Amino acid sequence: MSFLSSSQKALVDRLAGIREDVEARMMFGTIGLFASDQQFGILDDEDLYLCVDDESRASFSEAETSPYNAATVQEAAYLEVPDDVVSDPDMLAAWVHRAIDAAG
């Protein structure tokens, strides 16, 4: 995955530790994150966005995260993961599993 920066590769490796079928794919200038061939996330520069549904959107809204490529949090399919979640392995695992469920 030569298209990943060293920090992006480190994050993808952490995600693969949560679920071993995680892979990164270059997509239209950003990096899509996939598990079982379903996109559940996006890496845009150093920012991680995860797929949301109506149930998980509340957690993101409480954290006041930014939407990816949408005008509002309510219409976004992907929302930015807060830094405190990215830095906490247990929280990140829970959020990744919810994103994979939301993508399904």
PDB file of N, CA and C in Angstrom:
ATOM      1  N   MET A   1       0.836  -1.182   0.000  1.00  0.00           N
ATOM      2  CA  MET A   1       0.000   0.000   0.000  1.00  0.00           C
ATOM      3  C   MET A   1       0.877   1.240   0.000  1.00  0.00           C
ATOM      4  N   SER A   2       1.571   1.419  -1.074  1.00  0.00           N
ATOM      5  CA  SER A   2       2.517   2.526  -1.172  1.00  0.00           C
ATOM      6  C   SER A   2       1.832   3.884  -1.241  1.00  0.00           C
ATOM      7  N   PHE A   3       0.534   3.931  -1.409  1.00  0.00           N
ATOM      8  CA  PHE A   3      -0.178   5.213  -1.467  1.00  0.00           C
ATOM      9  C   PHE A   3      -0.466   5.776  -0.084  1.00  0.00           C
ATOM     10  N   LEU A   4      -0.165   5.033   0.981  1.00  0.00           N
ATOM     11  CA  LEU A   4      -0.408   5.483   2.342  1.00  0.00           C
ATOM     12  C   LEU A   4       0.814   6.170   2.924  1.00  0.00           C
ATOM     13  N   SER A   5       0.575   7.252   3.664  1.00  0.00           N
ATOM     14  CA  SER A   5       1.659   7.857   4.422  1.00  0.00           C
ATOM     15  C   SER A   5       1.989   6.928   5.586  1.00  0.00           C
ATOM     16  N   SER A   6       3.078   7.186   6.273  1.00  0.00           N
ATOM     17  CA  SER A   6       3.456   6.316   7.385  1.00  0.00           C
ATOM     18  C   SER A   6       2.413   6.359   8.504  1.00  0.00           C
ATOM     19  N   SER A   7       1.825   7.523   8.772  1.00  0.00           N
ATOM     20  CA  SER A   7       0.806   7.603   9.820  1.00  0.00           C
ATOM     21  C   SER A   7      -0.495   6.923   9.387  1.00  0.00           C
ATOM     22  N   GLN A   8      -0.843   7.020   8.098  1.00  0.00           N
ATOM     23  CA  GLN A   8      -2.022   6.323   7.597  1.00  0.00           C
ATOM     24  C   GLN A   8      -1.814   4.812   7.665  1.00  0.00           C
ATOM     25  N   LYS A   9      -0.624   4.353   7.289  1.00  0.00           N
ATOM     26  CA  LYS A   9      -0.328   2.922   7.356  1.00  0.00           C
ATOM     27  C   LYS A   9      -0.415   2.430   8.796  1.00  0.00           C
ATOM     28  N   ALA A  10       0.085   3.214   9.745  1.00  0.00           N
ATOM     29  CA  ALA A  10       0.018   2.821  11.155  1.00  0.00           C
ATOM     30  C   ALA A  10      -1.438   2.689  11.603  1.00  0.00           C
ATOM     31  N   LEU A  11      -2.302   3.609  11.155  1.00  0.00           N
ATOM     32  CA  LEU A  11      -3.713   3.536  11.523  1.00  0.00           C
ATOM     33  C   LEU A  11      -4.384   2.329  10.866  1.00  0.00           C
ATOM     34  N   VAL A  12      -4.111   2.086   9.606  1.00  0.00           N
ATOM     35  CA  VAL A  12      -4.686   0.918   8.926  1.00  0.00           C
ATOM     36  C   VAL A  12      -4.224  -0.367   9.606  1.00  0.00           C
ATOM     37  N   ASP A  13      -2.972  -0.416  10.030  1.00  0.00           N
ATOM     38  CA  ASP A  13      -2.482  -1.589  10.755  1.00  0.00           C
ATOM     39  C   ASP A  13      -3.227  -1.764  12.078  1.00  0.00           C
ATOM     40  N   ARG A  14      -3.521  -0.666  12.771  1.00  0.00           N
ATOM     41  CA  ARG A  14      -4.304  -0.751  14.010  1.00  0.00           C
ATOM     42  C   ARG A  14      -5.713  -1.261  13.724  1.00  0.00           C
ATOM     43  N   LEU A  15      -6.307  -0.787  12.637  1.00  0.00           N
ATOM     44  CA  LEU A  15      -7.649  -1.241  12.270  1.00  0.00           C
ATOM     45  C   LEU A  15      -7.637  -2.721  11.910  1.00  0.00           C
ATOM     46  N   ALA A  16      -6.580  -3.169  11.245  1.00  0.00           N
ATOM     47  CA  ALA A  16      -6.460  -4.585  10.901  1.00  0.00           C
ATOM     48  C   ALA A  16      -6.269  -5.438  12.151  1.00  0.00           C
ATOM     49  N   GLY A  17      -5.778  -4.847  13.218  1.00  0.00           N
ATOM     50  CA  GLY A  17      -5.692  -5.550  14.485  1.00  0.00           C
ATOM     51  C   GLY A  17      -7.060  -5.736  15.124  1.00  0.00           C
ATOM     52  N   ILE A  18      -8.004  -4.863  14.771  1.00  0.00           N
ATOM     53  CA  ILE A  18      -9.378  -4.968  15.269  1.00  0.00           C
ATOM     54  C   ILE A  18     -10.124  -6.038  14.484  1.00  0.00           C
ATOM     55  N   ARG A  19      -9.897  -6.023  13.186  1.00  0.00           N
ATOM     56  CA  ARG A  19     -10.532  -7.002  12.301  1.00  0.00           C
ATOM     57  C   ARG A  19      -9.568  -7.264  11.157  1.00  0.00           C
ATOM     58  N   GLU A  20      -9.129  -8.493  11.017  1.00  0.00           N
ATOM     59  CA  GLU A  20      -8.016  -8.788  10.115  1.00  0.00           C
ATOM     60  C   GLU A  20      -8.318  -8.619   8.636  1.00  0.00           C
ATOM     61  N   ASP A  21      -9.574  -8.540   8.228  1.00  0.00           N
ATOM     62  CA  ASP A  21      -9.868  -8.377   6.804  1.00  0.00           C
ATOM     63  C   ASP A  21      -9.949  -6.908   6.380  1.00  0.00           C
ATOM     64  N   VAL A  22      -9.528  -5.988   7.241  1.00  0.00           N
ATOM     65  CA  VAL A  22      -9.526  -4.560   6.892  1.00  0.00           C
ATOM     66  C   VAL A  22      -8.453  -4.299   5.850  1.00  0.00           C
ATOM     67  N   GLU A  23      -8.834  -3.558   4.826  1.00  0.00           N
ATOM     68  CA  GLU A  23      -7.870  -3.142   3.815  1.00  0.00           C
ATOM     69  C   GLU A  23      -8.180  -1.723   3.361  1.00  0.00           C
ATOM     70  N   ALA A  24      -7.142  -1.058   2.883  1.00  0.00           N
ATOM     71  CA  ALA A  24      -7.269   0.304   2.367  1.00  0.00           C
ATOM     72  C   ALA A  24      -7.165   0.274   0.852  1.00  0.00           C
ATOM     73  N   ARG A  25      -8.017   1.062   0.195  1.00  0.00           N
ATOM     74  CA  ARG A  25      -8.003   1.161  -1.268  1.00  0.00           C
ATOM     75  C   ARG A  25      -8.069   2.624  -1.666  1.00  0.00           C
ATOM     76  N   MET A  26      -7.252   2.993  -2.658  1.00  0.00           N
ATOM     77  CA  MET A  26      -7.290   4.354  -3.184  1.00  0.00           C
ATOM     78  C   MET A  26      -8.583   4.533  -3.965  1.00  0.00           C
ATOM     79  N   MET A  27      -9.299   5.627  -3.649  1.00  0.00           N
ATOM     80  CA  MET A  27     -10.585   5.891  -4.295  1.00  0.00           C
ATOM     81  C   MET A  27     -10.766   7.383  -4.525  1.00  0.00           C
ATOM     82  N   PHE A  28     -10.685   7.818  -5.747  1.00  0.00           N
ATOM     83  CA  PHE A  28     -11.024   9.187  -6.115  1.00  0.00           C
ATOM     84  C   PHE A  28     -10.354  10.231  -5.234  1.00  0.00           C
ATOM     85  N   GLY A  29      -9.072  10.067  -4.965  1.00  0.00           N
ATOM     86  CA  GLY A  29      -8.319  11.053  -4.200  1.00  0.00           C
ATOM     87  C   GLY A  29      -8.374  10.872  -2.698  1.00  0.00           C
ATOM     88  N   THR A  30      -9.148   9.925  -2.221  1.00  0.00           N
ATOM     89  CA  THR A  30      -9.157   9.601  -0.793  1.00  0.00           C
ATOM     90  C   THR A  30      -8.870   8.106  -0.666  1.00  0.00           C
ATOM     91  N   ILE A  31      -8.865   7.632   0.552  1.00  0.00           N
ATOM     92  CA  ILE A  31      -8.592   6.227   0.803  1.00  0.00           C
ATOM     93  C   ILE A  31      -9.816   5.604   1.454  1.00  0.00           C
ATOM     94  N   GLY A  32     -10.381   4.605   0.798  1.00  0.00           N
ATOM     95  CA  GLY A  32     -11.512   3.882   1.350  1.00  0.00           C
ATOM     96  C   GLY A  32     -11.031   2.758   2.245  1.00  0.00           C
ATOM     97  N   LEU A  33     -11.744   2.541   3.335  1.00  0.00           N
ATOM     98  CA  LEU A  33     -11.446   1.445   4.250  1.00  0.00           C
ATOM     99  C   LEU A  33     -12.541   0.391   4.115  1.00  0.00           C
ATOM    100  N   PHE A  34     -12.122  -0.846   3.927  1.00  0.00           N
ATOM    101  CA  PHE A  34     -13.054  -1.929   3.631  1.00  0.00           C
ATOM    102  C   PHE A  34     -12.853  -3.100   4.583  1.00  0.00           C
ATOM    103  N   ALA A  35     -13.941  -3.797   4.863  1.00  0.00           N
ATOM    104  CA  ALA A  35     -13.927  -5.085   5.562  1.00  0.00           C
ATOM    105  C   ALA A  35     -14.931  -5.963   4.842  1.00  0.00           C
ATOM    106  N   SER A  36     -14.510  -7.155   4.481  1.00  0.00           N
ATOM    107  CA  SER A  36     -15.375  -8.058   3.704  1.00  0.00           C
ATOM    108  C   SER A  36     -15.939  -7.372   2.470  1.00  0.00           C
ATOM    109  N   ASP A  37     -15.101  -6.610   1.807  1.00  0.00           N
ATOM    110  CA  ASP A  37     -15.451  -5.892   0.577  1.00  0.00           C
ATOM    111  C   ASP A  37     -16.557  -4.855   0.749  1.00  0.00           C
ATOM    112  N   GLN A  38     -16.853  -4.458   1.981  1.00  0.00           N
ATOM    113  CA  GLN A  38     -17.815  -3.377   2.227  1.00  0.00           C
ATOM    114  C   GLN A  38     -17.075  -2.181   2.784  1.00  0.00           C
ATOM    115  N   GLN A  39     -17.305  -1.023   2.198  1.00  0.00           N
ATOM    116  CA  GLN A  39     -16.652   0.179   2.687  1.00  0.00           C
ATOM    117  C   GLN A  39     -17.300   0.614   3.995  1.00  0.00           C
ATOM    118  N   PHE A  40     -16.470   0.784   5.019  1.00  0.00           N
ATOM    119  CA  PHE A  40     -16.963   1.232   6.316  1.00  0.00           C
ATOM    120  C   PHE A  40     -16.305   2.528   6.770  1.00  0.00           C
ATOM    121  N   GLY A  41     -15.280   2.980   6.038  1.00  0.00           N
ATOM    122  CA  GLY A  41     -14.593   4.180   6.472  1.00  0.00           C
ATOM    123  C   GLY A  41     -13.830   4.857   5.354  1.00  0.00           C
ATOM    124  N   ILE A  42     -13.319   6.045   5.685  1.00  0.00           N
ATOM    125  CA  ILE A  42     -12.537   6.852   4.749  1.00  0.00           C
ATOM    126  C   ILE A  42     -11.377   7.467   5.518  1.00  0.00           C
ATOM    127  N   LEU A  43     -10.202   7.441   4.909  1.00  0.00           N
ATOM    128  CA  LEU A  43      -9.066   8.214   5.409  1.00  0.00           C
ATOM    129  C   LEU A  43      -8.877   9.375   4.461  1.00  0.00           C
ATOM    130  N   ASP A  44      -8.951  10.571   4.972  1.00  0.00           N
ATOM    131  CA  ASP A  44      -8.737  11.770   4.169  1.00  0.00           C
ATOM    132  C   ASP A  44      -7.620  12.550   4.845  1.00  0.00           C
ATOM    133  N   ASP A  45      -6.460  12.543   4.234  1.00  0.00           N
ATOM    134  CA  ASP A  45      -5.239  13.036   4.863  1.00  0.00           C
ATOM    135  C   ASP A  45      -5.028  12.247   6.149  1.00  0.00           C
ATOM    136  N   GLU A  46      -5.071  12.901   7.285  1.00  0.00           N
ATOM    137  CA  GLU A  46      -4.866  12.204   8.567  1.00  0.00           C
ATOM    138  C   GLU A  46      -6.176  12.000   9.320  1.00  0.00           C
ATOM    139  N   ASP A  47      -7.292  12.347   8.712  1.00  0.00           N
ATOM    140  CA  ASP A  47      -8.592  12.250   9.378  1.00  0.00           C
ATOM    141  C   ASP A  47      -9.287  10.939   9.046  1.00  0.00           C
ATOM    142  N   LEU A  48      -9.847  10.303  10.081  1.00  0.00           N
ATOM    143  CA  LEU A  48     -10.584   9.053   9.934  1.00  0.00           C
ATOM    144  C   LEU A  48     -12.074   9.354  10.019  1.00  0.00           C
ATOM    145  N   TYR A  49     -12.817   8.883   9.029  1.00  0.00           N
ATOM    146  CA  TYR A  49     -14.273   9.002   8.992  1.00  0.00           C
ATOM    147  C   TYR A  49     -14.851   7.593   8.967  1.00  0.00           C
ATOM    148  N   LEU A  50     -15.916   7.381   9.727  1.00  0.00           N
ATOM    149  CA  LEU A  50     -16.560   6.074   9.750  1.00  0.00           C
ATOM    150  C   LEU A  50     -18.013   6.179   9.314  1.00  0.00           C
ATOM    151  N   CYS A  51     -18.491   5.095   8.731  1.00  0.00           N
ATOM    152  CA  CYS A  51     -19.874   5.001   8.274  1.00  0.00           C
ATOM    153  C   CYS A  51     -20.809   5.078   9.480  1.00  0.00           C
ATOM    154  N   VAL A  52     -21.905   5.806   9.317  1.00  0.00           N
ATOM    155  CA  VAL A  52     -22.888   5.941  10.394  1.00  0.00           C
ATOM    156  C   VAL A  52     -24.262   5.534   9.904  1.00  0.00           C
ATOM    157  N   ASP A  53     -25.094   5.151  10.862  1.00  0.00           N
ATOM    158  CA  ASP A  53     -26.510   4.932  10.606  1.00  0.00           C
ATOM    159  C   ASP A  53     -27.271   5.723  11.668  1.00  0.00           C
ATOM    160  N   ASP A  54     -28.571   5.606  11.685  1.00  0.00           N
ATOM    161  CA  ASP A  54     -29.363   6.394  12.631  1.00  0.00           C
ATOM    162  C   ASP A  54     -28.990   6.099  14.081  1.00  0.00           C
ATOM    163  N   GLU A  55     -28.641   4.855  14.389  1.00  0.00           N
ATOM    164  CA  GLU A  55     -28.286   4.491  15.764  1.00  0.00           C
ATOM    165  C   GLU A  55     -26.933   5.064  16.184  1.00  0.00           C
ATOM    166  N   SER A  56     -25.944   4.991  15.322  1.00  0.00           N
ATOM    167  CA  SER A  56     -24.599   5.429  15.697  1.00  0.00           C
ATOM    168  C   SER A  56     -24.385   6.930  15.533  1.00  0.00           C
ATOM    169  N   ARG A  57     -25.230   7.582  14.758  1.00  0.00           N
ATOM    170  CA  ARG A  57     -25.069   9.018  14.505  1.00  0.00           C
ATOM    171  C   ARG A  57     -25.066   9.833  15.798  1.00  0.00           C
ATOM    172  N   ALA A  58     -25.823   9.410  16.804  1.00  0.00           N
ATOM    173  CA  ALA A  58     -25.905  10.154  18.064  1.00  0.00           C
ATOM    174  C   ALA A  58     -24.545  10.249  18.747  1.00  0.00           C
ATOM    175  N   SER A  59     -23.781   9.161  18.731  1.00  0.00           N
ATOM    176  CA  SER A  59     -22.452   9.179  19.360  1.00  0.00           C
ATOM    177  C   SER A  59     -21.545  10.195  18.686  1.00  0.00           C
ATOM    178  N   PHE A  60     -21.627  10.261  17.378  1.00  0.00           N
ATOM    179  CA  PHE A  60     -20.811  11.223  16.638  1.00  0.00           C
ATOM    180  C   PHE A  60     -21.299  12.645  16.909  1.00  0.00           C
ATOM    181  N   SER A  61     -22.606  12.838  16.961  1.00  0.00           N
ATOM    182  CA  SER A  61     -23.162  14.171  17.205  1.00  0.00           C
ATOM    183  C   SER A  61     -22.753  14.690  18.576  1.00  0.00           C
ATOM    184  N   GLU A  62     -22.776  13.810  19.581  1.00  0.00           N
ATOM    185  CA  GLU A  62     -22.361  14.199  20.926  1.00  0.00           C
ATOM    186  C   GLU A  62     -20.906  14.643  20.949  1.00  0.00           C
ATOM    187  N   ALA A  63     -20.085  14.042  20.117  1.00  0.00           N
ATOM    188  CA  ALA A  63     -18.668  14.379  20.060  1.00  0.00           C
ATOM    189  C   ALA A  63     -18.406  15.586  19.159  1.00  0.00           C
ATOM    190  N   GLU A  64     -19.470  16.131  18.560  1.00  0.00           N
ATOM    191  CA  GLU A  64     -19.371  17.305  17.681  1.00  0.00           C
ATOM    192  C   GLU A  64     -18.354  17.084  16.560  1.00  0.00           C
ATOM    193  N   THR A  65     -18.521  15.983  15.845  1.00  0.00           N
ATOM    194  CA  THR A  65     -17.618  15.657  14.754  1.00  0.00           C
ATOM    195  C   THR A  65     -18.076  16.298  13.451  1.00  0.00           C
ATOM    196  N   SER A  66     -17.184  16.273  12.480  1.00  0.00           N
ATOM    197  CA  SER A  66     -17.463  16.869  11.178  1.00  0.00           C
ATOM    198  C   SER A  66     -17.911  15.803  10.187  1.00  0.00           C
ATOM    199  N   PRO A  67     -18.832  16.164   9.306  1.00  0.00           N
ATOM    200  CA  PRO A  67     -19.240  15.209   8.266  1.00  0.00           C
ATOM    201  C   PRO A  67     -18.221  15.164   7.140  1.00  0.00           C
ATOM    202  N   TYR A  68     -18.169  14.040   6.455  1.00  0.00           N
ATOM    203  CA  TYR A  68     -17.339  13.928   5.258  1.00  0.00           C
ATOM    204  C   TYR A  68     -18.205  14.225   4.048  1.00  0.00           C
ATOM    205  N   ASN A  69     -17.840  15.266   3.319  1.00  0.00           N
ATOM    206  CA  ASN A  69     -18.478  15.568   2.033  1.00  0.00           C
ATOM    207  C   ASN A  69     -19.993  15.716   2.122  1.00  0.00           C
ATOM    208  N   ALA A  70     -20.468  16.366   3.178  1.00  0.00           N
ATOM    209  CA  ALA A  70     -21.904  16.628   3.327  1.00  0.00           C
ATOM    210  C   ALA A  70     -22.054  17.951   4.063  1.00  0.00           C
ATOM    211  N   ALA A  71     -23.178  18.598   3.869  1.00  0.00           N
ATOM    212  CA  ALA A  71     -23.402  19.898   4.496  1.00  0.00           C
ATOM    213  C   ALA A  71     -23.700  19.779   5.988  1.00  0.00           C
ATOM    214  N   THR A  72     -24.369  18.706   6.391  1.00  0.00           N
ATOM    215  CA  THR A  72     -24.753  18.566   7.802  1.00  0.00           C
ATOM    216  C   THR A  72     -24.461  17.162   8.306  1.00  0.00           C
ATOM    217  N   VAL A  73     -24.365  17.046   9.610  1.00  0.00           N
ATOM    218  CA  VAL A  73     -24.166  15.742  10.240  1.00  0.00           C
ATOM    219  C   VAL A  73     -25.343  14.823   9.928  1.00  0.00           C
ATOM    220  N   GLN A  74     -26.549  15.362   9.896  1.00  0.00           N
ATOM    221  CA  GLN A  74     -27.745  14.549   9.674  1.00  0.00           C
ATOM    222  C   GLN A  74     -27.776  13.893   8.294  1.00  0.00           C
ATOM    223  N   GLU A  75     -27.156  14.521   7.303  1.00  0.00           N
ATOM    224  CA  GLU A  75     -27.200  13.932   5.956  1.00  0.00           C
ATOM    225  C   GLU A  75     -25.922  13.174   5.589  1.00  0.00           C
ATOM    226  N   ALA A  76     -24.947  13.184   6.469  1.00  0.00           N
ATOM    227  CA  ALA A  76     -23.664  12.545   6.166  1.00  0.00           C
ATOM    228  C   ALA A  76     -23.729  11.034   6.331  1.00  0.00           C
ATOM    229  N   ALA A  77     -23.071  10.343   5.418  1.00  0.00           N
ATOM    230  CA  ALA A  77     -22.932   8.891   5.531  1.00  0.00           C
ATOM    231  C   ALA A  77     -21.687   8.528   6.330  1.00  0.00           C
ATOM    232  N   TYR A  78     -20.707   9.444   6.377  1.00  0.00           N
ATOM    233  CA  TYR A  78     -19.462   9.230   7.097  1.00  0.00           C
ATOM    234  C   TYR A  78     -19.186  10.457   7.962  1.00  0.00           C
ATOM    235  N   LEU A  79     -18.819  10.200   9.220  1.00  0.00           N
ATOM    236  CA  LEU A  79     -18.503  11.275  10.150  1.00  0.00           C
ATOM    237  C   LEU A  79     -17.106  11.072  10.719  1.00  0.00           C
ATOM    238  N   GLU A  80     -16.443  12.187  11.029  1.00  0.00           N
ATOM    239  CA  GLU A  80     -15.081  12.146  11.544  1.00  0.00           C
ATOM    240  C   GLU A  80     -15.042  11.536  12.945  1.00  0.00           C
ATOM    241  N   VAL A  81     -14.051  10.712  13.170  1.00  0.00           N
ATOM    242  CA  VAL A  81     -13.858  10.075  14.472  1.00  0.00           C
ATOM    243  C   VAL A  81     -13.035  11.019  15.348  1.00  0.00           C
ATOM    244  N   PRO A  82     -13.501  11.314  16.553  1.00  0.00           N
ATOM    245  CA  PRO A  82     -12.752  12.203  17.445  1.00  0.00           C
ATOM    246  C   PRO A  82     -11.374  11.612  17.804  1.00  0.00           C
ATOM    247  N   ASP A  83     -10.411  12.498  18.031  1.00  0.00           N
ATOM    248  CA  ASP A  83      -9.050  12.067  18.349  1.00  0.00           C
ATOM    249  C   ASP A  83      -8.988  11.179  19.582  1.00  0.00           C
ATOM    250  N   ASP A  84      -9.816  11.470  20.593  1.00  0.00           N
ATOM    251  CA  ASP A  84      -9.765  10.648  21.808  1.00  0.00           C
ATOM    252  C   ASP A  84     -10.225   9.215  21.537  1.00  0.00           C
ATOM    253  N   VAL A  85     -11.093   9.033  20.565  1.00  0.00           N
ATOM    254  CA  VAL A  85     -11.526   7.676  20.184  1.00  0.00           C
ATOM    255  C   VAL A  85     -10.411   6.979  19.409  1.00  0.00           C
ATOM    256  N   VAL A  86      -9.781   7.700  18.477  1.00  0.00           N
ATOM    257  CA  VAL A  86      -8.699   7.113  17.677  1.00  0.00           C
ATOM    258  C   VAL A  86      -7.553   6.665  18.580  1.00  0.00           C
ATOM    259  N   SER A  87      -7.287   7.408  19.632  1.00  0.00           N
ATOM    260  CA  SER A  87      -6.152   7.080  20.502  1.00  0.00           C
ATOM    261  C   SER A  87      -6.463   6.013  21.548  1.00  0.00           C
ATOM    262  N   ASP A  88      -7.728   5.644  21.708  1.00  0.00           N
ATOM    263  CA  ASP A  88      -8.114   4.631  22.696  1.00  0.00           C
ATOM    264  C   ASP A  88      -8.460   3.335  21.966  1.00  0.00           C
ATOM    265  N   PRO A  89      -7.642   2.284  22.105  1.00  0.00           N
ATOM    266  CA  PRO A  89      -7.862   1.050  21.346  1.00  0.00           C
ATOM    267  C   PRO A  89      -9.241   0.417  21.551  1.00  0.00           C
ATOM    268  N   ASP A  90      -9.734   0.420  22.775  1.00  0.00           N
ATOM    269  CA  ASP A  90     -11.041  -0.198  23.037  1.00  0.00           C
ATOM    270  C   ASP A  90     -12.181   0.614  22.423  1.00  0.00           C
ATOM    271  N   MET A  91     -12.116   1.927  22.577  1.00  0.00           N
ATOM    272  CA  MET A  91     -13.158   2.774  21.981  1.00  0.00           C
ATOM    273  C   MET A  91     -13.119   2.688  20.467  1.00  0.00           C
ATOM    274  N   LEU A  92     -11.909   2.723  19.894  1.00  0.00           N
ATOM    275  CA  LEU A  92     -11.784   2.639  18.437  1.00  0.00           C
ATOM    276  C   LEU A  92     -12.373   1.325  17.938  1.00  0.00           C
ATOM    277  N   ALA A  93     -12.090   0.225  18.620  1.00  0.00           N
ATOM    278  CA  ALA A  93     -12.642  -1.069  18.201  1.00  0.00           C
ATOM    279  C   ALA A  93     -14.169  -1.044  18.210  1.00  0.00           C
ATOM    280  N   ALA A  94     -14.756  -0.476  19.246  1.00  0.00           N
ATOM    281  CA  ALA A  94     -16.224  -0.404  19.327  1.00  0.00           C
ATOM    282  C   ALA A  94     -16.785   0.441  18.190  1.00  0.00           C
ATOM    283  N   TRP A  95     -16.160   1.575  17.911  1.00  0.00           N
ATOM    284  CA  TRP A  95     -16.660   2.449  16.849  1.00  0.00           C
ATOM    285  C   TRP A  95     -16.487   1.802  15.479  1.00  0.00           C
ATOM    286  N   VAL A  96     -15.382   1.089  15.265  1.00  0.00           N
ATOM    287  CA  VAL A  96     -15.154   0.406  13.982  1.00  0.00           C
ATOM    288  C   VAL A  96     -16.197  -0.692  13.783  1.00  0.00           C
ATOM    289  N   HIS A  97     -16.474  -1.477  14.815  1.00  0.00           N
ATOM    290  CA  HIS A  97     -17.479  -2.521  14.683  1.00  0.00           C
ATOM    291  C   HIS A  97     -18.860  -1.931  14.377  1.00  0.00           C
ATOM    292  N   ARG A  98     -19.201  -0.807  15.010  1.00  0.00           N
ATOM    293  CA  ARG A  98     -20.482  -0.151  14.700  1.00  0.00           C
ATOM    294  C   ARG A  98     -20.518   0.336  13.264  1.00  0.00           C
ATOM    295  N   ALA A  99     -19.375   0.872  12.787  1.00  0.00           N
ATOM    296  CA  ALA A  99     -19.313   1.360  11.400  1.00  0.00           C
ATOM    297  C   ALA A  99     -19.481   0.209  10.411  1.00  0.00           C
ATOM    298  N   ILE A 100     -18.857  -0.920  10.700  1.00  0.00           N
ATOM    299  CA  ILE A 100     -19.004  -2.084   9.824  1.00  0.00           C
ATOM    300  C   ILE A 100     -20.445  -2.554   9.807  1.00  0.00           C
ATOM    301  N   ASP A 101     -21.078  -2.573  10.954  1.00  0.00           N
ATOM    302  CA  ASP A 101     -22.507  -2.933  11.022  1.00  0.00           C
ATOM    303  C   ASP A 101     -23.354  -1.927  10.230  1.00  0.00           C
ATOM    304  N   ALA A 102     -23.055  -0.646  10.370  1.00  0.00           N
ATOM    305  CA  ALA A 102     -23.806   0.391   9.666  1.00  0.00           C
ATOM    306  C   ALA A 102     -23.645   0.278   8.153  1.00  0.00           C
ATOM    307  N   ALA A 103     -22.458  -0.134   7.730  1.00  0.00           N
ATOM    308  CA  ALA A 103     -22.191  -0.272   6.289  1.00  0.00           C
ATOM    309  C   ALA A 103     -22.915  -1.472   5.695  1.00  0.00           C
ATOM    310  N   GLY A 104     -23.241  -2.443   6.546  1.00  0.00           N
ATOM    311  CA  GLY A 104     -23.871  -3.681   6.074  1.00  0.00           C
ATOM    312  C   GLY A 104     -25.283  -3.476   5.784  1.00  0.00           C
TER     313      GLY A 104
END
